[in-house]
N, C-alpha and C. Protein backbone atom coordinates (compact mmCIF):
# COMPACT_ATOMS: atom_id res chain seq x y z
N UNK A 1 0.89 -1.30 0.00
CA UNK A 1 0.04 0.00 0.08
C UNK A 1 1.00 1.30 -0.03
N UNK A 2 0.62 2.06 -0.94
CA UNK A 2 1.36 3.47 -1.06
C UNK A 2 1.13 4.37 0.12
N UNK A 3 1.86 5.42 0.18
CA UNK A 3 1.78 6.38 1.19
C UNK A 3 0.69 7.50 0.45
N UNK A 4 -0.23 7.88 1.18
CA UNK A 4 -1.16 8.78 0.82
C UNK A 4 -0.61 10.19 1.13
N UNK A 5 -0.85 11.09 0.33
CA UNK A 5 -0.47 12.41 0.51
C UNK A 5 -1.81 13.23 0.87
N UNK A 6 -2.05 13.50 2.00
CA UNK A 6 -3.27 14.25 2.63
C UNK A 6 -2.75 15.58 2.96
N UNK A 7 -3.46 16.77 2.69
CA UNK A 7 -3.24 18.04 3.14
C UNK A 7 -4.39 18.59 3.60
N UNK A 8 -4.39 19.65 4.53
CA UNK A 8 -5.60 20.41 4.94
C UNK A 8 -5.46 21.71 4.42
N UNK A 9 -6.65 22.20 4.34
CA UNK A 9 -6.89 23.59 3.71
C UNK A 9 -6.20 24.73 4.27
N UNK A 10 -5.80 24.63 5.62
CA UNK A 10 -5.07 25.63 6.30
C UNK A 10 -3.63 25.85 5.87
N UNK A 11 -3.23 24.67 5.18
CA UNK A 11 -1.77 24.70 4.59
C UNK A 11 -1.51 25.75 3.39
N UNK A 12 -2.69 26.05 2.81
CA UNK A 12 -2.61 26.94 1.60
C UNK A 12 -3.13 28.24 1.91
N UNK A 13 -2.65 29.34 1.16
CA UNK A 13 -3.31 30.69 1.34
C UNK A 13 -4.64 30.67 0.58
N UNK A 14 -5.57 31.38 1.07
CA UNK A 14 -6.94 31.24 0.20
C UNK A 14 -6.68 31.76 -1.34
N UNK A 15 -5.75 32.62 -1.52
CA UNK A 15 -5.62 33.18 -2.89
C UNK A 15 -4.67 32.26 -3.68
N UNK A 16 -4.04 31.17 -3.06
CA UNK A 16 -3.12 30.39 -3.87
C UNK A 16 -3.66 29.61 -4.86
N UNK A 17 -3.19 29.53 -5.94
CA UNK A 17 -3.77 28.62 -7.04
C UNK A 17 -3.17 27.31 -6.83
N UNK A 18 -4.23 26.23 -6.76
CA UNK A 18 -3.82 24.80 -6.58
C UNK A 18 -4.36 24.11 -7.72
N UNK A 19 -3.98 22.98 -7.84
CA UNK A 19 -4.64 22.01 -9.05
C UNK A 19 -5.37 20.84 -8.29
N UNK A 20 -6.51 20.69 -8.75
CA UNK A 20 -7.57 19.65 -8.29
C UNK A 20 -7.32 18.49 -9.38
N UNK A 21 -6.93 17.30 -8.78
CA UNK A 21 -6.41 16.16 -9.75
C UNK A 21 -7.73 15.27 -10.06
N UNK A 22 -8.66 15.24 -9.42
CA UNK A 22 -9.84 14.39 -9.78
C UNK A 22 -11.07 15.22 -9.49
N UNK A 23 -12.17 14.72 -10.07
CA UNK A 23 -13.50 15.19 -9.71
C UNK A 23 -13.77 15.18 -8.25
N UNK A 24 -14.40 16.12 -7.76
CA UNK A 24 -14.79 16.36 -6.43
C UNK A 24 -16.15 16.71 -6.16
N UNK A 25 -17.16 15.77 -5.74
CA UNK A 25 -18.61 15.79 -5.59
C UNK A 25 -18.97 16.29 -4.25
N UNK A 26 -19.70 17.42 -4.11
CA UNK A 26 -20.21 17.86 -2.89
C UNK A 26 -21.66 17.81 -2.86
N UNK A 27 -22.43 17.99 -1.95
CA UNK A 27 -23.85 18.09 -2.08
C UNK A 27 -24.39 19.23 -2.97
N UNK A 28 -23.56 20.25 -3.00
CA UNK A 28 -24.08 21.64 -3.72
C UNK A 28 -23.47 21.79 -5.19
N UNK A 29 -22.30 21.27 -5.31
CA UNK A 29 -21.43 21.49 -6.44
C UNK A 29 -20.56 20.17 -7.03
N UNK A 30 -20.27 20.20 -8.18
CA UNK A 30 -19.33 19.33 -8.74
C UNK A 30 -18.13 20.00 -9.24
N UNK A 31 -16.96 19.72 -8.61
CA UNK A 31 -15.77 20.42 -9.11
C UNK A 31 -14.98 19.69 -10.12
N UNK A 32 -14.83 20.15 -11.28
CA UNK A 32 -13.91 19.20 -12.39
C UNK A 32 -12.50 19.48 -12.02
N UNK A 33 -11.62 18.48 -12.49
CA UNK A 33 -10.22 18.69 -12.51
C UNK A 33 -9.69 20.01 -13.00
N UNK A 34 -8.76 20.71 -12.41
CA UNK A 34 -8.25 21.90 -13.07
C UNK A 34 -7.74 22.69 -12.03
N UNK A 35 -7.48 23.94 -12.33
CA UNK A 35 -6.81 24.91 -11.33
C UNK A 35 -7.68 25.81 -10.65
N UNK A 36 -7.71 26.02 -9.30
CA UNK A 36 -8.64 26.67 -8.62
C UNK A 36 -7.89 27.47 -7.48
N UNK A 37 -8.55 28.53 -6.95
CA UNK A 37 -7.89 29.15 -5.87
C UNK A 37 -8.40 28.03 -4.67
N UNK A 38 -7.46 28.09 -3.81
CA UNK A 38 -7.51 27.20 -2.55
C UNK A 38 -8.82 27.42 -1.82
N UNK A 39 -9.04 28.76 -1.62
CA UNK A 39 -10.25 29.35 -0.83
C UNK A 39 -11.58 28.82 -1.64
N UNK A 40 -11.66 28.55 -2.92
CA UNK A 40 -12.79 28.18 -3.63
C UNK A 40 -13.21 26.78 -3.54
N UNK A 41 -12.28 25.76 -2.93
CA UNK A 41 -12.52 24.38 -3.01
C UNK A 41 -12.98 24.04 -1.68
N UNK A 42 -13.74 22.96 -1.42
CA UNK A 42 -14.30 22.57 -0.28
C UNK A 42 -13.16 21.91 0.53
N UNK A 43 -13.27 21.77 1.94
CA UNK A 43 -12.36 21.19 2.65
C UNK A 43 -11.97 19.67 2.40
N UNK A 44 -13.23 19.00 1.87
CA UNK A 44 -13.37 17.80 1.65
C UNK A 44 -12.17 17.27 0.41
N UNK A 45 -12.02 18.19 -0.49
CA UNK A 45 -11.03 17.98 -1.57
C UNK A 45 -9.70 17.89 -0.87
N UNK A 46 -9.36 18.51 -0.10
CA UNK A 46 -8.03 18.73 0.67
C UNK A 46 -7.91 17.39 1.65
N UNK A 47 -8.92 17.17 2.40
CA UNK A 47 -8.89 15.94 3.16
C UNK A 47 -8.76 14.53 2.33
N UNK A 48 -9.35 14.51 1.25
CA UNK A 48 -9.18 13.28 0.43
C UNK A 48 -7.93 13.25 -0.41
N UNK A 49 -6.97 14.32 -0.43
CA UNK A 49 -5.88 14.33 -0.95
C UNK A 49 -5.95 14.48 -2.45
N UNK A 50 -7.02 15.18 -2.99
CA UNK A 50 -7.33 15.58 -4.44
C UNK A 50 -6.54 16.72 -4.88
N UNK A 51 -6.10 17.46 -3.93
CA UNK A 51 -5.41 18.67 -4.41
C UNK A 51 -3.86 18.67 -4.27
N UNK A 52 -3.23 19.29 -5.22
CA UNK A 52 -1.71 19.54 -5.29
C UNK A 52 -1.46 20.89 -5.41
N UNK A 53 -0.23 21.05 -4.61
CA UNK A 53 0.44 22.51 -4.91
C UNK A 53 1.20 22.65 -6.26
N UNK A 54 0.81 23.71 -7.05
CA UNK A 54 1.52 23.76 -8.09
C UNK A 54 2.94 24.26 -7.93
N UNK A 55 3.88 23.75 -8.79
CA UNK A 55 5.24 24.17 -8.73
C UNK A 55 5.59 25.70 -9.07
N UNK A 56 6.56 26.08 -8.45
CA UNK A 56 6.77 27.81 -8.61
C UNK A 56 6.99 27.91 -10.14
N UNK A 57 6.64 29.05 -10.68
CA UNK A 57 6.76 29.53 -11.97
C UNK A 57 8.24 30.41 -11.95
N UNK A 58 8.87 30.20 -12.90
CA UNK A 58 10.13 30.94 -13.06
C UNK A 58 10.35 31.67 -14.18
N UNK A 59 11.07 32.62 -14.16
CA UNK A 59 11.47 33.34 -15.53
C UNK A 59 10.36 34.38 -15.97
N UNK A 60 10.20 34.51 -17.34
CA UNK A 60 9.28 35.19 -17.78
C UNK A 60 7.84 34.98 -17.58
N UNK A 61 7.68 33.53 -17.45
CA UNK A 61 6.18 32.99 -17.03
C UNK A 61 5.79 33.72 -15.80
N UNK A 62 6.64 33.90 -14.84
CA UNK A 62 6.18 34.68 -13.56
C UNK A 62 5.41 35.87 -13.83
N UNK A 63 5.67 36.51 -14.95
CA UNK A 63 5.04 37.88 -15.12
C UNK A 63 3.55 37.79 -16.00
N UNK A 64 3.24 36.49 -16.28
CA UNK A 64 1.98 36.28 -17.23
C UNK A 64 0.83 36.49 -16.04
N UNK A 65 -0.11 37.36 -16.50
CA UNK A 65 -1.43 37.57 -15.88
C UNK A 65 -2.18 36.35 -16.04
N UNK A 66 -3.12 36.09 -15.07
CA UNK A 66 -4.20 35.15 -15.45
C UNK A 66 -5.15 35.61 -16.55
N UNK A 67 -5.59 34.69 -17.33
CA UNK A 67 -6.50 34.94 -18.44
C UNK A 67 -7.66 35.84 -18.06
N UNK A 68 -8.07 36.69 -18.90
CA UNK A 68 -9.35 37.47 -18.48
C UNK A 68 -10.50 36.69 -19.05
N UNK A 69 -11.72 36.98 -18.51
CA UNK A 69 -12.93 36.42 -18.97
C UNK A 69 -13.14 36.72 -20.31
N UNK A 70 -13.53 35.58 -21.30
CA UNK A 70 -13.82 35.88 -22.51
C UNK A 70 -14.97 36.96 -22.83
N UNK A 71 -14.63 37.77 -23.76
CA UNK A 71 -15.78 38.71 -24.15
C UNK A 71 -17.05 38.39 -24.41
N UNK A 72 -17.93 39.02 -24.26
CA UNK A 72 -19.51 38.75 -24.60
C UNK A 72 -19.81 39.64 -25.87
N UNK A 73 -19.97 38.97 -27.12
CA UNK A 73 -20.17 39.57 -28.38
C UNK A 73 -21.31 40.54 -28.35
N UNK A 74 -22.51 40.16 -27.70
CA UNK A 74 -23.56 40.88 -27.58
C UNK A 74 -23.19 42.16 -26.78
N UNK A 75 -22.57 42.06 -25.70
CA UNK A 75 -22.28 43.30 -24.95
C UNK A 75 -21.44 44.21 -25.73
N UNK A 76 -20.46 43.72 -26.29
CA UNK A 76 -19.48 44.49 -27.24
C UNK A 76 -20.11 45.25 -28.21
N UNK A 77 -21.01 44.57 -28.81
CA UNK A 77 -21.83 45.19 -29.85
C UNK A 77 -22.58 46.38 -29.51
N UNK A 78 -23.22 46.17 -28.30
CA UNK A 78 -23.94 47.33 -27.70
C UNK A 78 -23.03 48.35 -27.26
N UNK A 79 -21.87 48.12 -26.74
CA UNK A 79 -21.03 49.27 -26.30
C UNK A 79 -20.46 49.95 -27.31
N UNK A 80 -20.36 49.39 -28.73
CA UNK A 80 -19.85 50.15 -29.65
C UNK A 80 -20.92 50.76 -30.62
N UNK A 81 -22.11 50.57 -30.16
CA UNK A 81 -23.30 51.25 -31.01
C UNK A 81 -23.62 50.55 -32.17
N UNK A 82 -23.30 49.22 -32.26
CA UNK A 82 -23.61 48.49 -33.52
C UNK A 82 -24.92 47.64 -33.09
N UNK A 83 -25.81 47.66 -34.00
CA UNK A 83 -27.12 47.03 -33.85
C UNK A 83 -27.33 46.00 -34.87
N UNK A 84 -27.99 44.93 -34.53
CA UNK A 84 -28.09 43.96 -35.46
C UNK A 84 -29.48 43.98 -36.32
């Protein structure tokens, strides 16, 4: 039997980006694998060992900002005065 890596939510800053490795089901929500802020994930995900700390970013990649939300074409058309 292998050693399990379990972490607790308090080991992470609420604003730290972490990786959820597997789906996490809660009564109110389904969390798909991917990157999340540690504060957005339920304690259960940490207790079950589903969360990993991301490796530090080095060099020019450290300056990359998170992606912005995709633009809404309908909103953009209205703000530019374009009507269909």
